[in-house]
C-alpha atoms as a PDB file:
ATOM      1  CA  UNK A   1      97.678 116.854  99.655  1.00  0.00           C
ATOM      2  CA  UNK A   2     100.939 117.828 100.724  1.00  0.00           C
ATOM      3  CA  UNK A   3     104.554 116.443  99.706  1.00  0.00           C
ATOM      4  CA  UNK A   4     105.462 113.840 101.990  1.00  0.00           C
ATOM      5  CA  UNK A   5     107.275 114.570 105.188  1.00  0.00           C
ATOM      6  CA  UNK A   6     110.443 113.788 106.939  1.00  0.00           C
ATOM      7  CA  UNK A   7     109.170 112.493 109.944  1.00  0.00           C
ATOM      8  CA  UNK A   8     106.688 110.362 107.291  1.00  0.00           C
ATOM      9  CA  UNK A   9     109.852 109.139 105.383  1.00  0.00           C
ATOM     10  CA  UNK A  10     112.060 107.966 108.559  1.00  0.00           C
ATOM     11  CA  UNK A  11     109.165 105.967 109.823  1.00  0.00           C
ATOM     12  CA  UNK A  12     108.747 104.665 106.103  1.00  0.00           C
ATOM     13  CA  UNK A  13     112.385 103.898 105.904  1.00  0.00           C
ATOM     14  CA  UNK A  14     111.858 102.397 109.527  1.00  0.00           C
ATOM     15  CA  UNK A  15     108.610  99.690 108.395  1.00  0.00           C
ATOM     16  CA  UNK A  16     110.913  98.789 105.649  1.00  0.00           C
ATOM     17  CA  UNK A  17     113.585  97.757 108.153  1.00  0.00           C
ATOM     18  CA  UNK A  18     111.178  95.857 110.415  1.00  0.00           C
ATOM     19  CA  UNK A  19     110.119  93.585 107.316  1.00  0.00           C
ATOM     20  CA  UNK A  20     113.855  93.335 105.790  1.00  0.00           C
ATOM     21  CA  UNK A  21     113.072  95.472 102.788  1.00  0.00           C
ATOM     22  CA  UNK A  22     115.320  97.195 101.079  1.00  0.00           C
ATOM     23  CA  UNK A  23     114.818 101.174 101.229  1.00  0.00           C
ATOM     24  CA  UNK A  24     114.765 102.452  97.144  1.00  0.00           C
ATOM     25  CA  UNK A  25     112.736 105.777  96.947  1.00  0.00           C
ATOM     26  CA  UNK A  26     109.548 103.835  95.781  1.00  0.00           C
ATOM     27  CA  UNK A  27     109.225 101.937  98.235  1.00  0.00           C
ATOM     28  CA  UNK A  28     110.209 104.664 100.905  1.00  0.00           C
ATOM     29  CA  UNK A  29     107.558 106.569  99.902  1.00  0.00           C
ATOM     30  CA  UNK A  30     104.466 104.624  99.350  1.00  0.00           C
ATOM     31  CA  UNK A  31     105.842 102.958 103.373  1.00  0.00           C
ATOM     32  CA  UNK A  32     105.456 107.123 104.284  1.00  0.00           C
ATOM     33  CA  UNK A  33     102.220 107.317 102.931  1.00  0.00           C
ATOM     34  CA  UNK A  34     100.995 104.166 104.387  1.00  0.00           C
ATOM     35  CA  UNK A  35     102.203 104.620 107.919  1.00  0.00           C
ATOM     36  CA  UNK A  36     103.872 107.565 108.313  1.00  0.00           C
ATOM     37  CA  UNK A  37     101.618 109.020 110.580  1.00  0.00           C
ATOM     38  CA  UNK A  38     101.182 106.293 113.026  1.00  0.00           C
ATOM     39  CA  UNK A  39      97.918 105.304 111.823  1.00  0.00           C
ATOM     40  CA  UNK A  40      96.899 102.091 110.221  1.00  0.00           C
ATOM     41  CA  UNK A  41      95.333 102.244 106.869  1.00  0.00           C
ATOM     42  CA  UNK A  42      93.472  99.437 104.090  1.00  0.00           C
ATOM     43  CA  UNK A  43      94.089 100.834 100.728  1.00  0.00           C
ATOM     44  CA  UNK A  44      93.787  99.233  97.643  1.00  0.00           C
ATOM     45  CA  UNK A  45      96.508  99.261  94.836  1.00  0.00           C
ATOM     46  CA  UNK A  46      94.340 101.992  93.043  1.00  0.00           C
ATOM     47  CA  UNK A  47      93.990 104.475  95.883  1.00  0.00           C
ATOM     48  CA  UNK A  48      97.656 103.986  97.029  1.00  0.00           C
ATOM     49  CA  UNK A  49      98.917 105.472  93.563  1.00  0.00           C
ATOM     50  CA  UNK A  50      96.183 108.018  93.301  1.00  0.00           C
ATOM     51  CA  UNK A  51      97.516 109.308  97.098  1.00  0.00           C
ATOM     52  CA  UNK A  52     101.314 109.049  95.827  1.00  0.00           C
ATOM     53  CA  UNK A  53     100.469 111.346  92.065  1.00  0.00           C
ATOM     54  CA  UNK A  54      99.111 113.969  95.000  1.00  0.00           C
ATOM     55  CA  UNK A  55     101.887 114.421  96.566  1.00  0.00           C
ATOM     56  CA  UNK A  56     104.162 114.420  93.477  1.00  0.00           C
ATOM     57  CA  UNK A  57     105.528 111.030  93.150  1.00  0.00           C
ATOM     58  CA  UNK A  58     106.658 109.293  90.574  1.00  0.00           C
ATOM     59  CA  UNK A  59     105.793 105.575  90.866  1.00  0.00           C
ATOM     60  CA  UNK A  60     103.588 103.489  87.805  1.00  0.00           C
ATOM     61  CA  UNK A  61     100.738 101.138  89.543  1.00  0.00           C
ATOM     62  CA  UNK A  62     102.290  97.881  87.759  1.00  0.00           C
ATOM     63  CA  UNK A  63     104.456  99.475  90.626  1.00  0.00           C
ATOM     64  CA  UNK A  64     102.433 100.070  93.469  1.00  0.00           C
ATOM     65  CA  UNK A  65     100.802  96.425  92.845  1.00  0.00           C
ATOM     66  CA  UNK A  66     104.145  94.867  93.130  1.00  0.00           C
ATOM     67  CA  UNK A  67     105.533  96.890  96.140  1.00  0.00           C
ATOM     68  CA  UNK A  68     101.989  95.957  98.252  1.00  0.00           C
ATOM     69  CA  UNK A  69     102.861  92.157  97.240  1.00  0.00           C
ATOM     70  CA  UNK A  70     106.270  92.601  99.431  1.00  0.00           C
ATOM     71  CA  UNK A  71     105.196  94.089 101.622  1.00  0.00           C
ATOM     72  CA  UNK A  72     102.776  91.337 102.060  1.00  0.00           C
ATOM     73  CA  UNK A  73     105.415  88.847 101.582  1.00  0.00           C
ATOM     74  CA  UNK A  74     107.562  90.685 104.093  1.00  0.00           C
ATOM     75  CA  UNK A  75     104.825  90.325 106.858  1.00  0.00           C
ATOM     76  CA  UNK A  76     103.785  93.792 107.047  1.00  0.00           C
ATOM     77  CA  UNK A  77     100.681  93.939 105.408  1.00  0.00           C
ATOM     78  CA  UNK A  78      97.779  91.584 104.822  1.00  0.00           C
ATOM     79  CA  UNK A  79      95.637  90.889 101.772  1.00  0.00           C
ATOM     80  CA  UNK A  80      91.871  91.283 102.191  1.00  0.00           C
ATOM     81  CA  UNK A  81      90.241  90.002  98.982  1.00  0.00           C
ATOM     82  CA  UNK A  82      86.488  91.238  98.440  1.00  0.00           C
ATOM     83  CA  UNK A  83      84.265  89.390  95.673  1.00  0.00           C
ATOM     84  CA  UNK A  84      87.398  86.844  94.774  1.00  0.00           C
ATOM     85  CA  UNK A  85      88.484  89.626  92.892  1.00  0.00           C
ATOM     86  CA  UNK A  86      88.549  93.459  95.037  1.00  0.00           C
ATOM     87  CA  UNK A  87      91.912  93.322  96.703  1.00  0.00           C
ATOM     88  CA  UNK A  88      92.119  95.783  99.875  1.00  0.00           C
ATOM     89  CA  UNK A  89      95.585  96.022 101.381  1.00  0.00           C
ATOM     90  CA  UNK A  90      95.933  96.194 105.324  1.00  0.00           C
ATOM     91  CA  UNK A  91      98.790  97.947 107.306  1.00  0.00           C
ATOM     92  CA  UNK A  92      96.776  96.400 110.410  1.00  0.00           C
ATOM     93  CA  UNK A  93      98.430  93.146 111.179  1.00  0.00           C
ATOM     94  CA  UNK A  94      96.831  91.467 114.168  1.00  0.00           C
ATOM     95  CA  UNK A  95      93.708  89.254 113.699  1.00  0.00           C
ATOM     96  CA  UNK A  96      90.598  91.363 113.020  1.00  0.00           C
ATOM     97  CA  UNK A  97      87.370  91.520 111.153  1.00  0.00           C
ATOM     98  CA  UNK A  98      86.444  94.072 108.571  1.00  0.00           C
ATOM     99  CA  UNK A  99      83.587  95.514 107.298  1.00  0.00           C
ATOM    100  CA  UNK A 100      82.801  96.182 103.655  1.00  0.00           C
ATOM    101  CA  UNK A 101      80.814  99.077 102.945  1.00  0.00           C
ATOM    102  CA  UNK A 102      79.525  97.521  99.103  1.00  0.00           C
ATOM    103  CA  UNK A 103      77.307 101.105  98.470  1.00  0.00           C
ATOM    104  CA  UNK A 104      81.332 102.791  98.105  1.00  0.00           C
ATOM    105  CA  UNK A 105      83.495 100.075  97.929  1.00  0.00           C
ATOM    106  CA  UNK A 106      85.470 100.519 101.234  1.00  0.00           C
ATOM    107  CA  UNK A 107      86.968  97.909 103.989  1.00  0.00           C
ATOM    108  CA  UNK A 108      86.882  99.211 107.114  1.00  0.00           C
ATOM    109  CA  UNK A 109      87.936  97.194 111.065  1.00  0.00           C
ATOM    110  CA  UNK A 110      84.681  96.064 112.938  1.00  0.00           C
ATOM    111  CA  UNK A 111      85.067  95.532 115.973  1.00  0.00           C
ATOM    112  CA  UNK A 112      87.079  92.673 117.062  1.00  0.00           C
ATOM    113  CA  UNK A 113      85.916  92.501 121.105  1.00  0.00           C
ATOM    114  CA  UNK A 114      82.278  92.201 118.921  1.00  0.00           C
ATOM    115  CA  UNK A 115      83.430  88.908 117.509  1.00  0.00           C
ATOM    116  CA  UNK A 116      82.629  85.782 118.788  1.00  0.00           C
ATOM    117  CA  UNK A 117      83.145  82.142 116.793  1.00  0.00           C
ATOM    118  CA  UNK A 118      81.839  79.396 119.063  1.00  0.00           C
ATOM    119  CA  UNK A 119      83.152  76.246 116.592  1.00  0.00           C
ATOM    120  CA  UNK A 120      84.623  75.521 112.752  1.00  0.00           C
ATOM    121  CA  UNK A 121      84.701  72.725 111.202  1.00  0.00           C
ATOM    122  CA  UNK A 122      87.013  70.662 111.050  1.00  0.00           C
ATOM    123  CA  UNK A 123      90.195  70.757 109.371  1.00  0.00           C
ATOM    124  CA  UNK A 124      90.275  67.546 106.371  1.00  0.00           C
ATOM    125  CA  UNK A 125      91.962  64.863 106.618  1.00  0.00           C
ATOM    126  CA  UNK A 126      96.414  66.220 106.337  1.00  0.00           C
ATOM    127  CA  UNK A 127      95.560  70.301 106.131  1.00  0.00           C
ATOM    128  CA  UNK A 128      95.141  73.309 109.110  1.00  0.00           C
ATOM    129  CA  UNK A 129      93.498  75.849 109.787  1.00  0.00           C
ATOM    130  CA  UNK A 130      96.159  79.158 108.708  1.00  0.00           C
ATOM    131  CA  UNK A 131      93.729  81.841 109.348  1.00  0.00           C
ATOM    132  CA  UNK A 132      90.113  82.910 109.375  1.00  0.00           C
ATOM    133  CA  UNK A 133      89.442  86.347 107.611  1.00  0.00           C
ATOM    134  CA  UNK A 134      86.071  87.954 108.594  1.00  0.00           C
ATOM    135  CA  UNK A 135      84.467  90.194 105.924  1.00  0.00           C
ATOM    136  CA  UNK A 136      80.930  91.538 107.400  1.00  0.00           C
ATOM    137  CA  UNK A 137      79.183  93.287 104.058  1.00  0.00           C
ATOM    138  CA  UNK A 138      77.048  96.056 105.099  1.00  0.00           C
ATOM    139  CA  UNK A 139      74.830  98.667 102.611  1.00  0.00           C
ATOM    140  CA  UNK A 140      72.541 101.132 103.733  1.00  0.00           C
ATOM    141  CA  UNK A 141      69.136 100.921 103.845  1.00  0.00           C
END
């Protein structure tokens, strides 16, 4: 993988600013990898760590985890949990469903316009529905 471009660095810095996060060197590098080309991504901490290392960025896996958590807390990303333990991080903050490709361990966007939720159960007393996550599991035939 090639080094991170100046354009990607600026895009990442601007993105951090949107979330009110201090632009440290490591945050800028990870943000540039996530949003530097203007496309949304689904990553795991491990896949982002590998991308950073292949670009020559010096960052620990623990720092990647902490940075992804900070990005989520700042409202820049959302976390999608699969199987109760595997977390994916999505830069697309609009409500949308996902396909989880079981054979590949990969998450991708599903077409939101094709999803129709006709009815939801009433929330228990004293609670409200804050979000609905839809993950459609797929496997090859």
